[in-house]
Amino acid sequence: MNLPPCPQCASEYTYEMGALLVCPECAHEWSPSEASVDQSAADDFIIKDAFGNVLADGDTVTVVKDLKVKGQSLSIKVGTKVRNIRLVDAADGHDIGCKVDGFGHMQLKSSVVKKA
């Protein structure tokens, strides 16, 4: 039997306990019907760059406009390559988590990058 991973920590070691699924790593419990709803919501989670290309975790992107960085006098210049992005679900529009050379970890909006 193939059980879905934990929706909290993505552990693949879930097991059934009565009518619930349980994660041994984070102790999260959920019903199998919730897992199917969560999976369909994850399928609708598509992030596109400024030119309409679909982005995925691990992609390399290029910044398409100068970005001021809060708290620093420097800005991220046009053409800066950002490698190994990860897509995050953020309510404020910053849907890419990444590490920019010289600036460290930060979040970017997909509307200011293009897929490299």
C-alpha atoms as a PDB file:
ATOM      1  CA  MET A   1       0.000   0.000   0.000  1.00  0.00           C
ATOM      2  CA  ASN A   2       1.354   3.402  -0.984  1.00  0.00           C
ATOM      3  CA  LEU A   3       0.585   6.045   1.659  1.00  0.00           C
ATOM      4  CA  PRO A   4       0.947   9.793   0.986  1.00  0.00           C
ATOM      5  CA  PRO A   5       3.783  11.724   2.666  1.00  0.00           C
ATOM      6  CA  CYS A   6       3.125  13.874   5.706  1.00  0.00           C
ATOM      7  CA  PRO A   7       1.624  17.269   4.735  1.00  0.00           C
ATOM      8  CA  GLN A   8       3.502  18.970   7.602  1.00  0.00           C
ATOM      9  CA  CYS A   9       7.087  17.724   7.217  1.00  0.00           C
ATOM     10  CA  ALA A  10       6.923  15.651   3.974  1.00  0.00           C
ATOM     11  CA  SER A  11       8.149  12.521   5.740  1.00  0.00           C
ATOM     12  CA  GLU A  12       7.617   9.373   3.707  1.00  0.00           C
ATOM     13  CA  TYR A  13       7.330   7.137   6.790  1.00  0.00           C
ATOM     14  CA  THR A  14       3.609   7.671   7.427  1.00  0.00           C
ATOM     15  CA  TYR A  15       1.481   4.827   8.750  1.00  0.00           C
ATOM     16  CA  GLU A  16      -2.185   4.092   9.373  1.00  0.00           C
ATOM     17  CA  MET A  17      -3.666   4.145  12.865  1.00  0.00           C
ATOM     18  CA  GLY A  18      -7.351   3.341  12.691  1.00  0.00           C
ATOM     19  CA  ALA A  19      -9.018   5.843  10.352  1.00  0.00           C
ATOM     20  CA  LEU A  20      -6.104   8.317  10.512  1.00  0.00           C
ATOM     21  CA  LEU A  21      -2.683   8.596   8.936  1.00  0.00           C
ATOM     22  CA  VAL A  22       0.166   9.408  11.344  1.00  0.00           C
ATOM     23  CA  CYS A  23       3.662  10.814  10.846  1.00  0.00           C
ATOM     24  CA  PRO A  24       6.230   9.281  13.233  1.00  0.00           C
ATOM     25  CA  GLU A  25       8.649  12.193  12.771  1.00  0.00           C
ATOM     26  CA  CYS A  26       6.430  15.188  13.641  1.00  0.00           C
ATOM     27  CA  ALA A  27       3.420  13.364  15.221  1.00  0.00           C
ATOM     28  CA  HIS A  28       0.957  15.005  12.797  1.00  0.00           C
ATOM     29  CA  GLU A  29      -2.323  13.130  12.341  1.00  0.00           C
ATOM     30  CA  TRP A  30      -4.737  13.565   9.423  1.00  0.00           C
ATOM     31  CA  SER A  31      -7.477  11.706   7.597  1.00  0.00           C
ATOM     32  CA  PRO A  32      -6.786  10.164   4.180  1.00  0.00           C
ATOM     33  CA  SER A  33      -9.542  12.330   2.621  1.00  0.00           C
ATOM     34  CA  GLU A  34      -7.618  15.470   3.709  1.00  0.00           C
ATOM     35  CA  ALA A  35      -4.508  14.117   1.989  1.00  0.00           C
ATOM     36  CA  SER A  36      -6.285  13.845  -1.368  1.00  0.00           C
ATOM     37  CA  VAL A  37      -7.620  17.420  -1.036  1.00  0.00           C
ATOM     38  CA  ASP A  38      -4.139  18.701  -0.109  1.00  0.00           C
ATOM     39  CA  GLN A  39      -2.611  16.916  -3.120  1.00  0.00           C
ATOM     40  CA  SER A  40      -5.108  18.460  -5.555  1.00  0.00           C
ATOM     41  CA  ALA A  41      -4.356  21.900  -4.082  1.00  0.00           C
ATOM     42  CA  ALA A  42      -0.641  21.263  -4.561  1.00  0.00           C
ATOM     43  CA  ASP A  43      -1.276  20.392  -8.219  1.00  0.00           C
ATOM     44  CA  ASP A  44      -2.862  23.845  -8.707  1.00  0.00           C
ATOM     45  CA  PHE A  45       0.234  25.532  -7.217  1.00  0.00           C
ATOM     46  CA  ILE A  46       1.972  26.741 -10.393  1.00  0.00           C
ATOM     47  CA  ILE A  47       4.382  29.668 -10.373  1.00  0.00           C
ATOM     48  CA  LYS A  48       5.401  31.399 -13.602  1.00  0.00           C
ATOM     49  CA  ASP A  49       8.211  33.864 -14.271  1.00  0.00           C
ATOM     50  CA  ALA A  50       7.818  37.345 -15.797  1.00  0.00           C
ATOM     51  CA  PHE A  51       7.571  35.828 -19.298  1.00  0.00           C
ATOM     52  CA  GLY A  52       5.088  33.030 -18.495  1.00  0.00           C
ATOM     53  CA  ASN A  53       7.553  30.130 -18.168  1.00  0.00           C
ATOM     54  CA  VAL A  54       6.647  27.621 -15.448  1.00  0.00           C
ATOM     55  CA  LEU A  55       9.184  27.548 -12.609  1.00  0.00           C
ATOM     56  CA  ALA A  56      10.167  24.489 -10.557  1.00  0.00           C
ATOM     57  CA  ASP A  57      12.304  23.833  -7.481  1.00  0.00           C
ATOM     58  CA  GLY A  58      16.005  23.782  -8.364  1.00  0.00           C
ATOM     59  CA  ASP A  59      15.712  26.042 -11.434  1.00  0.00           C
ATOM     60  CA  THR A  60      18.158  28.834 -12.233  1.00  0.00           C
ATOM     61  CA  VAL A  61      16.632  32.262 -12.849  1.00  0.00           C
ATOM     62  CA  THR A  62      17.905  35.682 -13.909  1.00  0.00           C
ATOM     63  CA  VAL A  63      16.762  38.963 -12.349  1.00  0.00           C
ATOM     64  CA  VAL A  64      15.088  41.219 -14.980  1.00  0.00           C
ATOM     65  CA  LYS A  65      15.124  44.536 -13.082  1.00  0.00           C
ATOM     66  CA  ASP A  66      17.199  46.220 -10.392  1.00  0.00           C
ATOM     67  CA  LEU A  67      15.952  45.313  -6.912  1.00  0.00           C
ATOM     68  CA  LYS A  68      16.545  47.448  -3.846  1.00  0.00           C
ATOM     69  CA  VAL A  69      17.347  45.356  -0.801  1.00  0.00           C
ATOM     70  CA  LYS A  70      15.819  46.553   2.435  1.00  0.00           C
ATOM     71  CA  GLY A  71      18.478  47.502   4.976  1.00  0.00           C
ATOM     72  CA  GLN A  72      21.363  47.646   2.490  1.00  0.00           C
ATOM     73  CA  SER A  73      22.753  50.388   0.293  1.00  0.00           C
ATOM     74  CA  LEU A  74      23.443  47.925  -2.536  1.00  0.00           C
ATOM     75  CA  SER A  75      20.859  46.560  -4.949  1.00  0.00           C
ATOM     76  CA  ILE A  76      20.554  43.346  -6.930  1.00  0.00           C
ATOM     77  CA  LYS A  77      21.408  44.270 -10.518  1.00  0.00           C
ATOM     78  CA  VAL A  78      19.698  43.204 -13.741  1.00  0.00           C
ATOM     79  CA  GLY A  79      21.178  39.958 -15.068  1.00  0.00           C
ATOM     80  CA  THR A  80      22.100  38.515 -11.664  1.00  0.00           C
ATOM     81  CA  LYS A  81      21.787  34.714 -11.835  1.00  0.00           C
ATOM     82  CA  VAL A  82      20.133  32.969  -8.928  1.00  0.00           C
ATOM     83  CA  ARG A  83      20.686  29.216  -8.791  1.00  0.00           C
ATOM     84  CA  ASN A  84      18.751  26.434  -7.086  1.00  0.00           C
ATOM     85  CA  ILE A  85      15.541  28.312  -6.258  1.00  0.00           C
ATOM     86  CA  ARG A  86      12.748  26.817  -4.183  1.00  0.00           C
ATOM     87  CA  LEU A  87       9.116  27.696  -4.592  1.00  0.00           C
ATOM     88  CA  VAL A  88       7.273  28.790  -1.461  1.00  0.00           C
ATOM     89  CA  ASP A  89       3.650  29.622  -0.784  1.00  0.00           C
ATOM     90  CA  ALA A  90       3.761  33.230   0.381  1.00  0.00           C
ATOM     91  CA  ALA A  91       0.766  35.506   0.830  1.00  0.00           C
ATOM     92  CA  ASP A  92       2.763  38.693   0.197  1.00  0.00           C
ATOM     93  CA  GLY A  93       3.742  37.716  -3.361  1.00  0.00           C
ATOM     94  CA  HIS A  94       7.327  36.676  -2.586  1.00  0.00           C
ATOM     95  CA  ASP A  95       7.010  33.143  -3.922  1.00  0.00           C
ATOM     96  CA  ILE A  96      10.667  32.211  -4.552  1.00  0.00           C
ATOM     97  CA  GLY A  97      13.067  31.362  -1.747  1.00  0.00           C
ATOM     98  CA  CYS A  98      16.732  31.569  -2.764  1.00  0.00           C
ATOM     99  CA  LYS A  99      20.282  32.541  -1.891  1.00  0.00           C
ATOM    100  CA  VAL A 100      21.647  35.490  -3.864  1.00  0.00           C
ATOM    101  CA  ASP A 101      25.451  35.762  -4.007  1.00  0.00           C
ATOM    102  CA  GLY A 102      26.603  38.713  -1.927  1.00  0.00           C
ATOM    103  CA  PHE A 103      23.192  39.171  -0.265  1.00  0.00           C
ATOM    104  CA  GLY A 104      22.397  35.828   1.399  1.00  0.00           C
ATOM    105  CA  HIS A 105      19.043  34.111   1.797  1.00  0.00           C
ATOM    106  CA  MET A 106      15.985  36.047   0.678  1.00  0.00           C
ATOM    107  CA  GLN A 107      12.648  35.803  -1.065  1.00  0.00           C
ATOM    108  CA  LEU A 108      11.896  37.174  -4.525  1.00  0.00           C
ATOM    109  CA  LYS A 109       8.735  37.705  -6.540  1.00  0.00           C
ATOM    110  CA  SER A 110       8.386  35.554  -9.633  1.00  0.00           C
ATOM    111  CA  SER A 111       7.374  38.675 -11.592  1.00  0.00           C
ATOM    112  CA  VAL A 112      10.958  40.031 -11.452  1.00  0.00           C
ATOM    113  CA  VAL A 113      12.802  36.939 -12.720  1.00  0.00           C
ATOM    114  CA  LYS A 114      13.049  34.914 -15.920  1.00  0.00           C
ATOM    115  CA  LYS A 115      13.945  31.261 -16.249  1.00  0.00           C
ATOM    116  CA  ALA A 116      17.546  30.829 -17.403  1.00  0.00           C
END
